[in-house]
Amino acid sequence: MNGRSSKPLLNGCLMAAALALVACHGGSSSSSSDTIGGTISGLTAGSVELANGSATVTVAAGATTWVFPNSFAANSSYAVTVVAQPAGELCEVTSGGSGATLTGNVSDVTVVCSDYGQWIWEVGLNTVNASGAYGTQGAASASNAPGARYAASSWTDRAGDFWLFGGVGYDATGGAGSLNDLWQYSPSTGEWTWVSGGSADGAAGVYGTEGAASAGNMPGARYAASSWTDTSGNLWLFGGYGYDATGGVGRLNDLWRYTPGTNEWTWISGGSADNAAGVYGTQGTPSAGNMPGARYSASTWTDASGNLWLFGGYGYDSTGTVGDLNDLWRYSPGTNQWTWISGGSAHNAAGVYGTQDAASAGNVPGARQAANAWTDSSGNLWLFGGYGYGSTGALGYLNDLWQYSPVTTEWTWISGSSADDASGVYGTQGTAAAGNVLGARQAAVAWLDPSGNVWIFGGYGYDSTADLGALNDLWQFSPSTKQWTWVNGGSGDYASGDYGTQGTASTSGAPGARQAANAWIGPSGHLWLFGGAGYGSIGNGYLNDLWQFVPP
């Protein structure tokens, strides 16, 4: 509800006008005042408030007709708008909503409401810090569940199943630490399978022979590693913060490939020890000696040719100095070679923004970690936000949106601020607008849906009132209009989860505020969300809840 008291909707002459769609007093141009009303369909979740100038009417759920309780001066102009949306629905004036001159009663303004998406709590707990329920390795079960965790790595395979690796969280005994367990989730059965890795935290890596797959190989426990899926359905993993071959703990730059068909890991390249400096070589030239430095919280893409792309993160530059990075790398699985493409070989570089919407060879995003990344249908790479450096060289949370063209090798600053710590401008829920702004944040999750729209959820950053905290807002970005829409969740920080009934969609349900969760796109184009560090139904900690969002 919007907090306003309900007004009488239809009575007497006004009811007759709305139901019969005729004017009670003739509708001639000689009348001193005229009424405005019409029909409404699909309103099921709550009330909607309509306005014409300063006049408003609140229409209740289930209504099929409506009319403003007051009349308007003859020959005046009118424009009916939606000023308060119902929870979980989007209402729009689809026809007859405006006119230059009132020449009689208006009764044909059409308002259509529809569900613009609902969350479903599928599996996992609504409480925090749950231990893992591993079951039998290789056997799916409804009772299996990964332990609560954040900053895990994830993939989607060609069959549409979801994969989850490592992170920081809870093992089978309730111990908390870095993990190296590999899990598979089937959306069709709703069951998790513990596939490989340990059920305890803190495992060292078992590297075997470089380039040779083996059932005994296993990446060490880690968090904030980078991940990809290649065109053959193999899963790739790079770096993160965790355990090397000796059990040493630090930043990693090892590259691994997992083949689901054989259930074997292959150590492909990079070091088996932690904290390696980057070897950049000549920009634009692939070489067997090139290697990104050890890092965590980098951003990744896969292009149409099957190349893997890596940007930034927090780690080691060419001199072995640690900091935020803005180097862009391309890895070719066919040649097993890395190419340093753009950005600096030193840490903590400020961004060079240039002119908004104008590509330039001189443009480059500032160094950052925990940004979001996706690839569009044209093969362009997109980057949003994170924690790092804007144009001024100040360190903070970012909300800049960038596009990179592998064809022209140029970056374009698309939208958002070139400075750090921008607050969110939410606008009207469910309504796209040029003035809407996604607040600066790090460690959000992002999806690219089958229609090419981008969805971003939560993270740690700035809400509508400039408060800094964990968020649970869900946004949609349209590349064609370059506009953001606030779709779901709160405009404030630290919201608890509203779980409702497990397995049942709800107009009021929403995951709690969180950061460093995992995300997948399901076979039907639905958005899936798992875990992170944040808020359950009560309290905050690590989460293992799995949610599905059904777009409109």
Protein backbone atom coordinates (compact mmCIF):
# COMPACT_ATOMS: atom_id res chain seq x y z
CA MET A 1 0.00 0.00 0.00
CA ASN A 2 1.12 3.55 -0.57
CA GLY A 3 0.03 4.93 2.77
CA ARG A 4 -2.89 6.99 1.42
CA SER A 5 -6.46 6.32 2.57
CA SER A 6 -8.69 4.79 -0.07
CA LYS A 7 -11.07 7.10 -1.88
CA PRO A 8 -14.57 6.08 -3.07
CA LEU A 9 -14.07 4.71 -6.54
CA LEU A 10 -17.48 4.51 -8.14
CA ASN A 11 -20.90 5.72 -7.03
CA GLY A 12 -24.09 7.26 -8.38
CA CYS A 13 -23.75 8.97 -11.72
CA LEU A 14 -20.01 8.25 -11.86
CA MET A 15 -20.61 4.51 -11.53
CA ALA A 16 -23.10 4.60 -14.36
CA ALA A 17 -20.63 6.47 -16.51
CA ALA A 18 -17.83 4.00 -15.84
CA LEU A 19 -19.91 0.87 -16.32
CA ALA A 20 -21.88 1.97 -19.35
CA LEU A 21 -19.03 4.05 -20.78
CA VAL A 22 -21.50 6.92 -21.41
CA ALA A 23 -21.69 10.41 -19.93
CA CYS A 24 -24.28 11.00 -17.19
CA HIS A 25 -24.79 14.59 -18.18
CA GLY A 26 -24.62 14.25 -21.91
CA GLY A 27 -20.91 14.91 -22.49
CA SER A 28 -21.54 18.05 -24.54
CA SER A 29 -18.91 20.74 -24.97
CA SER A 30 -21.19 23.17 -23.15
CA SER A 31 -20.72 21.48 -19.75
CA SER A 32 -18.70 23.41 -17.17
CA SER A 33 -16.76 20.35 -16.02
CA ASP A 34 -16.06 16.82 -17.21
CA THR A 35 -15.09 13.49 -15.66
CA ILE A 36 -12.17 11.23 -16.57
CA GLY A 37 -12.24 7.46 -16.12
CA GLY A 38 -11.85 4.18 -17.92
CA THR A 39 -11.04 0.51 -17.55
CA ILE A 40 -8.27 -1.42 -15.79
CA SER A 41 -7.21 -5.04 -16.19
CA GLY A 42 -4.79 -7.39 -14.45
CA LEU A 43 -4.67 -5.57 -11.09
CA THR A 44 -4.39 -8.40 -8.55
CA ALA A 45 -1.57 -7.61 -6.12
CA GLY A 46 -2.59 -4.33 -4.52
CA SER A 47 -3.75 -0.82 -5.27
CA VAL A 48 -2.50 1.54 -7.96
CA GLU A 49 -2.64 5.33 -7.79
CA LEU A 50 -3.44 7.34 -10.92
CA ALA A 51 -3.10 11.10 -11.33
CA ASN A 52 -4.21 13.89 -13.63
CA GLY A 53 -2.32 16.96 -12.53
CA SER A 54 -2.81 17.25 -8.76
CA ALA A 55 -5.94 15.07 -8.76
CA THR A 56 -5.49 11.42 -7.80
CA VAL A 57 -7.54 8.24 -7.55
CA THR A 58 -6.55 4.99 -5.83
CA VAL A 59 -7.83 1.87 -7.62
CA ALA A 60 -8.08 -1.30 -5.55
CA ALA A 61 -7.05 -4.82 -6.54
CA GLY A 62 -9.73 -6.61 -8.57
CA ALA A 63 -11.26 -3.44 -10.00
CA THR A 64 -12.21 -3.40 -13.68
CA THR A 65 -13.26 0.26 -13.96
CA TRP A 66 -12.23 3.54 -12.34
CA VAL A 67 -12.94 7.26 -12.44
CA PHE A 68 -11.45 10.30 -10.74
CA PRO A 69 -13.76 11.39 -7.87
CA ASN A 70 -13.55 15.02 -8.96
CA SER A 71 -14.35 16.60 -12.32
CA PHE A 72 -12.18 18.80 -14.52
CA ALA A 73 -12.70 22.10 -16.28
CA ALA A 74 -14.15 21.84 -19.78
CA ASN A 75 -11.72 22.54 -22.60
CA SER A 76 -8.71 21.84 -20.35
CA SER A 77 -5.95 19.42 -21.34
CA TYR A 78 -5.41 16.17 -19.46
CA ALA A 79 -2.73 13.49 -19.05
CA VAL A 80 -3.38 10.44 -16.87
CA THR A 81 -0.25 8.90 -15.32
CA VAL A 82 0.60 6.13 -12.85
CA VAL A 83 2.17 7.67 -9.74
CA ALA A 84 2.25 4.66 -7.38
CA GLN A 85 2.62 1.07 -8.57
CA PRO A 86 1.16 -1.98 -6.80
CA ALA A 87 3.60 -4.34 -5.13
CA GLY A 88 4.86 -6.93 -7.58
CA GLU A 89 3.03 -5.55 -10.60
CA LEU A 90 3.54 -2.93 -13.29
CA CYS A 91 0.59 -0.82 -14.42
CA GLU A 92 0.69 1.31 -17.58
CA VAL A 93 -1.71 3.68 -19.32
CA THR A 94 -1.93 2.01 -22.72
CA SER A 95 -4.48 4.17 -24.58
CA GLY A 96 -6.68 7.25 -24.26
CA GLY A 97 -4.60 8.71 -21.46
CA SER A 98 -4.12 12.25 -22.75
CA GLY A 99 -5.84 14.95 -24.78
CA ALA A 100 -5.42 18.60 -25.65
CA THR A 101 -9.02 19.61 -24.90
CA LEU A 102 -11.76 18.12 -22.73
CA THR A 103 -14.98 18.37 -24.73
CA GLY A 104 -17.00 15.99 -22.60
CA ASN A 105 -16.68 13.13 -20.16
CA VAL A 106 -13.77 10.78 -20.93
CA SER A 107 -14.41 7.14 -20.20
CA ASP A 108 -11.97 5.27 -22.45
CA VAL A 109 -8.62 5.58 -20.64
CA THR A 110 -7.19 2.06 -20.58
CA VAL A 111 -4.85 0.90 -17.81
CA VAL A 112 -3.21 -2.54 -18.05
CA CYS A 113 -1.37 -4.19 -15.13
CA SER A 114 0.89 -7.22 -15.30
CA ASP A 115 3.24 -9.18 -13.09
CA TYR A 116 6.76 -7.86 -13.73
CA GLY A 117 8.52 -10.69 -12.01
CA GLN A 118 8.44 -12.75 -8.83
CA TRP A 119 11.03 -14.48 -6.69
CA ILE A 120 10.70 -18.13 -5.67
CA TRP A 121 12.70 -19.54 -2.75
CA GLU A 122 13.61 -22.97 -4.12
CA VAL A 123 15.98 -24.79 -1.73
CA GLY A 124 18.47 -24.11 1.02
CA LEU A 125 17.82 -22.49 4.38
CA ASN A 126 16.34 -19.10 5.26
CA THR A 127 18.82 -18.86 8.15
CA VAL A 128 22.53 -18.06 8.04
CA ASN A 129 25.76 -20.07 8.48
CA ALA A 130 24.39 -23.50 7.51
CA SER A 131 26.83 -26.42 7.36
CA GLY A 132 27.14 -28.40 4.14
CA ALA A 133 25.08 -31.56 3.65
CA TYR A 134 27.32 -33.48 1.25
CA GLY A 135 25.70 -36.90 1.07
CA THR A 136 27.45 -39.43 -1.18
CA GLN A 137 29.90 -38.04 -3.71
CA GLY A 138 28.44 -38.30 -7.20
CA ALA A 139 24.89 -39.01 -6.01
CA ALA A 140 22.12 -36.41 -6.34
CA SER A 141 19.75 -36.08 -3.40
CA ALA A 142 17.04 -33.72 -2.23
CA SER A 143 18.77 -33.61 1.16
CA ASN A 144 22.13 -32.47 -0.26
CA ALA A 145 23.06 -28.80 0.02
CA PRO A 146 26.29 -26.81 -0.23
CA GLY A 147 27.21 -25.08 2.99
CA ALA A 148 26.55 -21.36 3.33
CA ARG A 149 29.26 -19.35 1.53
CA TYR A 150 30.24 -16.23 -0.36
CA ALA A 151 32.62 -15.45 -3.26
CA ALA A 152 32.29 -18.92 -4.79
CA SER A 153 32.81 -19.49 -8.54
CA SER A 154 30.05 -20.67 -10.85
CA TRP A 155 29.29 -21.91 -14.38
CA THR A 156 26.36 -23.14 -16.47
CA ASP A 157 26.96 -26.23 -18.62
CA ARG A 158 25.47 -27.05 -22.04
CA ALA A 159 22.75 -29.19 -20.42
CA GLY A 160 21.55 -26.20 -18.40
CA ASP A 161 22.83 -27.49 -15.06
CA PHE A 162 24.50 -25.11 -12.60
CA TRP A 163 27.99 -25.60 -11.15
CA LEU A 164 29.45 -24.13 -7.97
CA PHE A 165 33.04 -24.25 -6.71
CA GLY A 166 34.65 -23.19 -3.44
CA GLY A 167 34.28 -19.83 -1.77
CA VAL A 168 34.48 -18.94 1.90
CA GLY A 169 31.93 -20.76 4.02
CA TYR A 170 30.93 -23.77 6.06
CA ASP A 171 32.07 -27.34 5.46
CA ALA A 172 30.43 -30.62 6.50
CA THR A 173 31.41 -30.26 10.16
CA GLY A 174 30.44 -26.60 10.53
CA GLY A 175 34.02 -25.38 10.23
CA ALA A 176 34.37 -22.06 8.41
CA GLY A 177 37.12 -21.35 5.89
CA SER A 178 38.08 -21.52 2.23
CA LEU A 179 36.53 -24.44 0.32
CA ASN A 180 37.35 -26.46 -2.80
CA ASP A 181 34.18 -28.54 -3.15
CA LEU A 182 32.55 -28.78 -6.60
CA TRP A 183 28.74 -29.01 -6.80
CA GLN A 184 26.21 -29.53 -9.58
CA TYR A 185 22.56 -28.44 -9.39
CA SER A 186 19.83 -29.67 -11.72
CA PRO A 187 16.94 -27.19 -12.17
CA SER A 188 14.80 -30.01 -13.57
CA THR A 189 15.08 -32.19 -10.44
CA GLY A 190 15.80 -29.52 -7.82
CA GLU A 191 18.68 -31.59 -6.42
CA TRP A 192 22.33 -30.85 -5.62
CA THR A 193 25.19 -33.31 -6.27
CA TRP A 194 28.57 -33.11 -4.54
CA VAL A 195 30.83 -33.91 -7.50
CA SER A 196 34.42 -33.57 -6.29
CA GLY A 197 36.76 -31.78 -3.90
CA GLY A 198 36.86 -32.01 -0.16
CA SER A 199 34.08 -31.73 2.39
CA ALA A 200 36.47 -29.92 4.77
CA ASP A 201 37.93 -26.42 4.48
CA GLY A 202 41.55 -25.43 3.90
CA ALA A 203 42.62 -28.04 1.31
CA ALA A 204 45.91 -27.52 -0.56
CA GLY A 205 45.97 -27.86 -4.34
CA VAL A 206 46.94 -31.09 -6.08
CA TYR A 207 48.38 -29.96 -9.42
CA GLY A 208 49.74 -33.11 -11.01
CA THR A 209 51.47 -32.64 -14.37
CA GLU A 210 50.83 -29.40 -16.23
CA GLY A 211 48.54 -30.07 -19.19
CA ALA A 212 47.59 -33.62 -18.11
CA ALA A 213 44.12 -34.46 -16.79
CA SER A 214 43.94 -36.76 -13.79
CA ALA A 215 41.33 -37.99 -11.35
CA GLY A 216 43.71 -37.01 -8.54
CA ASN A 217 44.09 -33.36 -9.59
CA MET A 218 42.21 -30.73 -7.61
CA PRO A 219 42.48 -26.95 -7.28
CA GLY A 220 43.17 -25.82 -3.76
CA ALA A 221 40.51 -24.18 -1.59
CA ARG A 222 39.95 -20.56 -2.60
CA TYR A 223 37.51 -17.70 -2.93
CA ALA A 224 36.85 -14.93 -5.48
CA ALA A 225 38.35 -16.96 -8.33
CA SER A 226 37.42 -16.21 -11.96
CA SER A 227 35.41 -18.65 -14.08
CA TRP A 228 34.27 -19.31 -17.65
CA THR A 229 32.45 -21.93 -19.71
CA ASP A 230 33.96 -22.73 -23.13
CA THR A 231 32.21 -23.77 -26.35
CA SER A 232 32.81 -27.47 -25.56
CA GLY A 233 31.12 -27.21 -22.18
CA ASN A 234 34.32 -27.36 -20.14
CA LEU A 235 34.58 -25.30 -16.97
CA TRP A 236 37.58 -22.99 -16.48
CA LEU A 237 38.93 -21.53 -13.24
CA PHE A 238 41.62 -18.89 -12.67
CA GLY A 239 43.29 -17.54 -9.55
CA GLY A 240 41.48 -16.31 -6.48
CA TYR A 241 42.69 -16.14 -2.90
CA GLY A 242 43.49 -19.47 -1.32
CA TYR A 243 45.80 -22.46 -0.99
CA ASP A 244 48.62 -23.39 -3.35
CA ALA A 245 50.39 -26.75 -3.79
CA THR A 246 52.33 -26.43 -0.52
CA GLY A 247 49.39 -25.26 1.57
CA GLY A 248 50.61 -21.67 1.44
CA VAL A 249 47.82 -19.07 1.44
CA GLY A 250 47.80 -16.07 -0.87
CA ARG A 251 46.72 -14.76 -4.25
CA LEU A 252 46.82 -17.31 -7.07
CA ASN A 253 47.30 -17.24 -10.87
CA ASP A 254 46.83 -20.89 -11.74
CA LEU A 255 44.53 -21.73 -14.67
CA TRP A 256 42.47 -24.93 -14.50
CA ARG A 257 40.05 -26.76 -16.81
CA TYR A 258 37.36 -29.17 -15.60
CA THR A 259 35.75 -31.63 -18.02
CA PRO A 260 32.30 -32.74 -16.79
CA GLY A 261 32.30 -35.85 -19.01
CA THR A 262 35.41 -37.30 -17.35
CA ASN A 263 35.08 -35.59 -13.95
CA GLU A 264 38.76 -34.61 -14.17
CA TRP A 265 40.67 -31.38 -13.56
CA THR A 266 43.66 -30.28 -15.65
CA TRP A 267 46.21 -27.74 -14.47
CA ILE A 268 46.68 -25.72 -17.67
CA SER A 269 49.11 -22.92 -16.84
CA GLY A 270 50.20 -20.42 -14.21
CA GLY A 271 52.05 -21.07 -11.00
CA SER A 272 51.46 -23.74 -8.37
CA ALA A 273 52.72 -21.26 -5.76
CA ASP A 274 50.99 -18.10 -4.55
CA ASN A 275 51.67 -14.37 -5.07
CA ALA A 276 53.21 -14.46 -8.57
CA ALA A 277 53.88 -11.19 -10.41
CA GLY A 278 52.42 -10.62 -13.86
CA VAL A 279 54.46 -11.23 -17.03
CA TYR A 280 52.94 -8.84 -19.59
CA GLY A 281 55.17 -9.16 -22.62
CA THR A 282 54.35 -6.91 -25.59
CA GLN A 283 50.85 -5.44 -25.64
CA GLY A 284 48.75 -7.11 -28.32
CA THR A 285 51.20 -10.00 -28.86
CA PRO A 286 50.44 -13.52 -27.58
CA SER A 287 53.32 -15.43 -26.04
CA ALA A 288 53.85 -18.66 -24.16
CA GLY A 289 55.71 -16.64 -21.53
CA ASN A 290 52.87 -14.20 -20.81
CA MET A 291 50.86 -14.68 -17.63
CA PRO A 292 48.49 -12.45 -15.62
CA GLY A 293 49.68 -11.86 -12.09
CA ALA A 294 48.07 -13.58 -9.12
CA ARG A 295 44.76 -11.90 -8.21
CA TYR A 296 41.23 -12.28 -6.94
CA SER A 297 37.85 -10.67 -7.79
CA ALA A 298 38.67 -10.16 -11.48
CA SER A 299 35.96 -9.92 -14.18
CA THR A 300 35.58 -12.39 -17.06
CA TRP A 301 33.97 -12.88 -20.46
CA THR A 302 33.90 -15.53 -23.21
CA ASP A 303 33.80 -14.37 -26.84
CA ALA A 304 32.22 -16.02 -29.90
CA SER A 305 35.57 -17.55 -30.91
CA GLY A 306 35.91 -19.33 -27.57
CA ASN A 307 38.59 -17.03 -26.18
CA LEU A 308 38.57 -16.28 -22.45
CA TRP A 309 38.91 -12.65 -21.32
CA LEU A 310 40.06 -11.36 -17.92
CA PHE A 311 40.01 -7.83 -16.51
CA GLY A 312 41.41 -6.29 -13.35
CA GLY A 313 40.91 -7.60 -9.85
CA TYR A 314 43.11 -7.19 -6.78
CA GLY A 315 46.58 -8.64 -7.14
CA TYR A 316 50.12 -8.34 -8.46
CA ASP A 317 51.27 -6.11 -11.30
CA SER A 318 54.42 -6.46 -13.44
CA THR A 319 56.69 -5.28 -10.61
CA GLY A 320 55.26 -7.67 -8.03
CA THR A 321 53.42 -4.85 -6.24
CA VAL A 322 49.90 -5.61 -5.04
CA GLY A 323 46.89 -3.39 -5.66
CA ASP A 324 43.82 -2.92 -7.84
CA LEU A 325 44.41 -3.69 -11.53
CA ASN A 326 42.91 -2.55 -14.85
CA ASP A 327 44.74 -4.83 -17.27
CA LEU A 328 42.68 -6.62 -19.94
CA TRP A 329 43.87 -10.09 -21.02
CA ARG A 330 42.76 -12.62 -23.64
CA TYR A 331 43.49 -16.35 -23.37
CA SER A 332 43.26 -18.67 -26.40
CA PRO A 333 42.56 -22.30 -25.40
CA GLY A 334 43.73 -23.42 -28.85
CA THR A 335 47.26 -22.03 -28.42
CA ASN A 336 47.38 -22.00 -24.60
CA GLN A 337 48.68 -18.42 -24.74
CA TRP A 338 47.77 -15.19 -22.96
CA THR A 339 47.77 -11.77 -24.63
CA TRP A 340 47.91 -8.49 -22.73
CA ILE A 341 45.34 -6.43 -24.66
CA SER A 342 44.89 -3.07 -22.90
CA GLY A 343 45.10 -1.26 -19.59
CA GLY A 344 48.17 -0.74 -17.46
CA SER A 345 50.82 -3.13 -16.21
CA ALA A 346 50.94 -1.19 -12.92
CA HIS A 347 48.40 -1.09 -10.08
CA ASN A 348 45.88 1.54 -8.89
CA ALA A 349 45.43 3.32 -12.24
CA ALA A 350 42.76 6.01 -12.54
CA GLY A 351 40.13 5.72 -15.27
CA VAL A 352 40.31 7.64 -18.54
CA TYR A 353 36.68 8.24 -19.46
CA GLY A 354 36.78 10.48 -22.50
CA THR A 355 33.39 11.55 -23.87
CA GLN A 356 30.33 9.57 -22.89
CA ASP A 357 29.13 7.28 -25.73
CA ALA A 358 32.29 7.94 -27.76
CA ALA A 359 34.77 5.10 -28.28
CA SER A 360 38.44 6.04 -28.15
CA ALA A 361 41.78 4.28 -28.11
CA GLY A 362 42.70 6.39 -25.09
CA ASN A 363 39.73 5.35 -22.95
CA VAL A 364 40.19 2.76 -20.21
CA PRO A 365 38.28 1.88 -17.00
CA GLY A 366 40.12 2.53 -13.78
CA ALA A 367 41.64 -0.28 -11.73
CA ARG A 368 39.00 -2.17 -9.74
CA GLN A 369 37.86 -5.40 -8.17
CA ALA A 370 34.50 -7.17 -7.84
CA ALA A 371 32.92 -5.56 -10.93
CA ASN A 372 30.19 -7.17 -13.06
CA ALA A 373 30.75 -8.33 -16.64
CA TRP A 374 28.74 -9.76 -19.53
CA THR A 375 28.99 -10.28 -23.31
CA ASP A 376 26.26 -9.01 -25.65
CA SER A 377 24.93 -10.66 -28.82
CA SER A 378 27.30 -8.56 -30.96
CA GLY A 379 30.34 -9.84 -29.09
CA ASN A 380 30.99 -6.63 -27.15
CA LEU A 381 32.26 -6.93 -23.56
CA TRP A 382 30.48 -4.92 -20.85
CA LEU A 383 31.75 -3.89 -17.41
CA PHE A 384 29.86 -2.31 -14.50
CA GLY A 385 30.97 -0.82 -11.20
CA GLY A 386 33.14 -2.53 -8.60
CA TYR A 387 35.50 -1.09 -6.00
CA GLY A 388 38.38 0.92 -7.37
CA TYR A 389 39.42 4.11 -9.10
CA GLY A 390 37.35 6.62 -11.09
CA SER A 391 38.68 9.54 -13.10
CA THR A 392 40.00 11.48 -10.09
CA GLY A 393 42.20 8.70 -8.75
CA ALA A 394 40.12 8.47 -5.56
CA LEU A 395 39.40 4.98 -4.26
CA GLY A 396 35.75 4.07 -3.73
CA TYR A 397 32.67 2.31 -5.03
CA LEU A 398 31.86 2.75 -8.72
CA ASN A 399 28.74 2.75 -10.90
CA ASP A 400 30.27 3.44 -14.31
CA LEU A 401 29.13 1.30 -17.24
CA TRP A 402 31.64 0.48 -20.01
CA GLN A 403 31.58 -1.34 -23.34
CA TYR A 404 34.65 -2.85 -25.02
CA SER A 405 34.78 -3.85 -28.68
CA PRO A 406 37.23 -6.69 -29.43
CA VAL A 407 37.03 -5.65 -33.11
CA THR A 408 38.14 -2.02 -32.63
CA THR A 409 39.97 -2.70 -29.32
CA GLU A 410 38.39 0.45 -27.87
CA TRP A 411 36.52 1.16 -24.64
CA THR A 412 33.38 3.34 -24.50
CA TRP A 413 32.07 4.95 -21.32
CA ILE A 414 28.31 4.37 -21.62
CA SER A 415 26.73 5.73 -18.44
CA GLY A 416 27.12 6.22 -14.70
CA SER A 417 29.47 8.56 -12.90
CA SER A 418 33.18 9.02 -13.54
CA ALA A 419 33.55 9.69 -9.80
CA ASP A 420 33.17 7.22 -6.96
CA ASP A 421 30.45 6.66 -4.33
CA ALA A 422 27.36 7.72 -6.33
CA SER A 423 23.96 7.17 -4.70
CA GLY A 424 21.15 5.32 -6.44
CA VAL A 425 18.29 7.17 -8.16
CA TYR A 426 15.48 4.61 -8.17
CA GLY A 427 12.60 6.44 -9.81
CA THR A 428 9.29 4.57 -10.01
CA GLN A 429 9.50 0.83 -9.51
CA GLY A 430 8.89 -0.94 -12.79
CA THR A 431 9.39 2.17 -14.94
CA ALA A 432 12.46 2.76 -17.10
CA ALA A 433 13.75 6.34 -17.15
CA ALA A 434 16.80 8.20 -18.35
CA GLY A 435 17.21 9.65 -14.85
CA ASN A 436 17.37 6.30 -13.07
CA VAL A 437 20.81 5.49 -11.68
CA LEU A 438 22.08 2.23 -10.24
CA GLY A 439 24.05 3.18 -7.13
CA ALA A 440 27.79 2.53 -6.90
CA ARG A 441 28.55 -0.97 -5.59
CA GLN A 442 30.87 -3.96 -5.57
CA ALA A 443 30.25 -7.72 -5.55
CA ALA A 444 26.78 -7.58 -7.10
CA VAL A 445 25.61 -10.38 -9.39
CA ALA A 446 24.60 -9.99 -13.04
CA TRP A 447 22.67 -11.99 -15.62
CA LEU A 448 22.21 -11.59 -19.38
CA ASP A 449 18.72 -12.78 -20.34
CA PRO A 450 17.75 -14.33 -23.73
CA SER A 451 16.37 -10.95 -24.90
CA GLY A 452 19.71 -9.25 -24.34
CA ASN A 453 18.66 -7.34 -21.25
CA VAL A 454 21.02 -7.22 -18.28
CA TRP A 455 19.89 -7.79 -14.70
CA ILE A 456 21.90 -6.76 -11.63
CA PHE A 457 21.10 -7.67 -8.04
CA GLY A 458 22.42 -6.44 -4.71
CA GLY A 459 26.06 -6.10 -3.78
CA TYR A 460 27.63 -3.75 -1.27
CA GLY A 461 27.21 -0.08 -2.06
CA TYR A 462 25.04 3.03 -1.94
CA ASP A 463 21.25 3.09 -1.66
CA SER A 464 18.80 5.91 -2.48
CA THR A 465 19.66 7.90 0.67
CA ALA A 466 23.47 7.67 0.23
CA ASP A 467 23.75 5.04 2.98
CA LEU A 468 26.48 2.44 2.40
CA GLY A 469 25.57 -1.17 3.04
CA ALA A 470 24.42 -4.50 1.66
CA LEU A 471 21.66 -4.20 -0.97
CA ASN A 472 18.84 -6.37 -2.34
CA ASP A 473 17.62 -4.24 -5.24
CA LEU A 474 17.05 -5.88 -8.63
CA TRP A 475 17.60 -3.76 -11.75
CA GLN A 476 17.19 -4.29 -15.48
CA PHE A 477 19.26 -2.51 -18.14
CA SER A 478 18.13 -2.22 -21.76
CA PRO A 479 21.10 -1.85 -24.15
CA SER A 480 18.80 -0.42 -26.86
CA THR A 481 17.52 2.47 -24.72
CA LYS A 482 20.47 2.61 -22.30
CA GLN A 483 17.99 3.01 -19.45
CA TRP A 484 17.81 1.31 -16.05
CA THR A 485 14.61 0.01 -14.45
CA TRP A 486 14.31 -0.68 -10.72
CA VAL A 487 12.35 -3.94 -10.81
CA ASN A 488 12.27 -5.45 -7.33
CA GLY A 489 13.72 -5.29 -3.82
CA GLY A 490 14.24 -2.30 -1.57
CA SER A 491 15.79 1.10 -2.19
CA GLY A 492 17.50 0.96 1.24
CA ASP A 493 20.27 -1.19 2.66
CA TYR A 494 20.40 -4.19 5.00
CA ALA A 495 16.99 -5.66 4.13
CA SER A 496 16.14 -9.08 5.56
CA GLY A 497 14.87 -11.79 3.23
CA ASP A 498 11.14 -12.33 2.72
CA TYR A 499 11.06 -16.06 1.97
CA GLY A 500 7.38 -16.90 1.93
CA THR A 501 6.60 -20.55 1.18
CA GLN A 502 9.38 -22.64 -0.35
CA GLY A 503 8.67 -23.40 -4.00
CA THR A 504 5.90 -20.80 -4.30
CA ALA A 505 6.12 -17.49 -6.18
CA SER A 506 5.21 -14.41 -4.17
CA THR A 507 4.65 -10.78 -5.11
CA SER A 508 6.16 -9.69 -1.79
CA GLY A 509 9.01 -12.21 -1.59
CA ALA A 510 12.62 -11.16 -2.13
CA PRO A 511 16.10 -12.38 -1.15
CA GLY A 512 17.76 -10.46 1.65
CA ALA A 513 20.52 -7.94 1.03
CA ARG A 514 23.83 -9.62 0.19
CA GLN A 515 27.13 -9.43 -1.65
CA ALA A 516 29.37 -11.93 -3.46
CA ALA A 517 26.50 -14.29 -4.33
CA ASN A 518 26.37 -16.55 -7.41
CA ALA A 519 24.07 -16.30 -10.40
CA TRP A 520 22.96 -18.45 -13.33
CA ILE A 521 20.49 -18.18 -16.23
CA GLY A 522 18.17 -21.19 -16.30
CA PRO A 523 16.93 -23.09 -19.36
CA SER A 524 13.74 -20.97 -19.46
CA GLY A 525 15.62 -17.68 -19.22
CA HIS A 526 14.83 -17.33 -15.53
CA LEU A 527 17.36 -15.79 -13.14
CA TRP A 528 18.84 -17.94 -10.35
CA LEU A 529 20.64 -16.68 -7.24
CA PHE A 530 22.61 -18.58 -4.61
CA GLY A 531 24.12 -17.67 -1.26
CA GLY A 532 26.50 -14.82 -0.55
CA ALA A 533 27.25 -12.84 2.59
CA GLY A 534 24.18 -11.04 3.87
CA TYR A 535 20.77 -11.33 5.46
CA GLY A 536 18.46 -14.30 5.84
CA SER A 537 15.01 -14.09 7.37
CA ILE A 538 16.70 -13.22 10.68
CA GLY A 539 20.27 -12.10 11.23
CA ASN A 540 23.23 -11.82 8.89
CA GLY A 541 26.07 -14.14 7.94
CA TYR A 542 26.77 -16.59 5.12
CA LEU A 543 23.83 -17.90 3.08
CA ASN A 544 23.02 -21.08 1.13
CA ASP A 545 19.53 -20.20 -0.11
CA LEU A 546 18.77 -20.78 -3.81
CA TRP A 547 16.25 -18.46 -5.49
CA GLN A 548 14.61 -18.32 -8.89
CA PHE A 549 13.33 -15.06 -10.37
CA VAL A 550 10.63 -15.36 -13.03
CA PRO A 551 10.77 -12.29 -15.31
CA PRO A 552 7.55 -10.87 -16.76
